[in-house]
């Protein structure tokens, strides 16, 4: 039986990732790689994981 493993992703060493919260009618969490054009994701703040959940 072979183990069910995931190959680690290769990460660009020169990337810069930032997070932000945009307040409005619906608060949004934004995660962006500012070293790349159009490299971001947004989701409702209520759906974002808290820091303790990420550990």
Protein backbone atom coordinates (compact mmCIF):
# COMPACT_ATOMS: atom_id res chain seq x y z
CA UNK A 1 0.00 0.00 0.00
CA UNK A 2 1.41 3.39 -0.98
CA UNK A 3 0.99 6.35 1.35
CA UNK A 4 -1.41 9.09 0.32
CA UNK A 5 0.98 12.05 0.27
CA UNK A 6 0.86 15.46 -1.32
CA UNK A 7 3.89 16.86 -3.11
CA UNK A 8 4.86 20.23 -1.58
CA UNK A 9 4.25 23.21 -3.84
CA UNK A 10 7.24 25.06 -5.18
CA UNK A 11 7.13 28.64 -3.94
CA UNK A 12 8.67 31.64 -5.64
CA UNK A 13 11.29 33.03 -3.28
CA UNK A 14 10.81 36.62 -4.41
CA UNK A 15 7.05 36.82 -3.93
CA UNK A 16 5.41 39.16 -1.43
CA UNK A 17 2.04 38.14 -0.02
CA UNK A 18 -0.20 40.52 1.91
CA UNK A 19 -3.62 40.24 3.50
CA UNK A 20 -6.23 42.91 4.10
CA UNK A 21 -9.83 43.35 5.21
CA UNK A 22 -12.06 45.56 3.07
CA UNK A 23 -14.99 46.94 5.05
CA UNK A 24 -18.29 47.64 3.35
CA UNK A 25 -21.82 46.25 3.14
CA UNK A 26 -20.07 42.84 3.11
CA UNK A 27 -16.66 42.72 4.81
CA UNK A 28 -14.13 40.91 2.59
CA UNK A 29 -10.78 39.23 3.29
CA UNK A 30 -8.24 39.83 0.51
CA UNK A 31 -5.08 37.76 0.02
CA UNK A 32 -2.72 39.00 -2.68
CA UNK A 33 0.72 38.29 -4.11
CA UNK A 34 1.78 41.85 -4.85
CA UNK A 35 4.77 40.70 -6.95
CA UNK A 36 2.37 39.33 -9.63
CA UNK A 37 -0.36 40.99 -11.66
CA UNK A 38 -3.88 39.67 -10.96
CA UNK A 39 -2.67 37.24 -8.26
CA UNK A 40 -5.27 37.71 -5.54
CA UNK A 41 -8.31 36.10 -4.00
CA UNK A 42 -11.20 37.50 -1.99
CA UNK A 43 -13.82 35.91 0.21
CA UNK A 44 -16.38 37.00 2.76
CA UNK A 45 -14.67 37.74 6.05
CA UNK A 46 -17.07 35.37 7.83
CA UNK A 47 -15.80 32.53 5.60
CA UNK A 48 -12.09 33.23 6.21
CA UNK A 49 -10.24 31.03 8.69
CA UNK A 50 -9.04 32.64 11.89
CA UNK A 51 -5.32 32.61 12.71
CA UNK A 52 -5.69 29.85 15.35
CA UNK A 53 -7.53 27.70 12.77
CA UNK A 54 -4.61 28.08 10.33
CA UNK A 55 -2.08 26.70 12.84
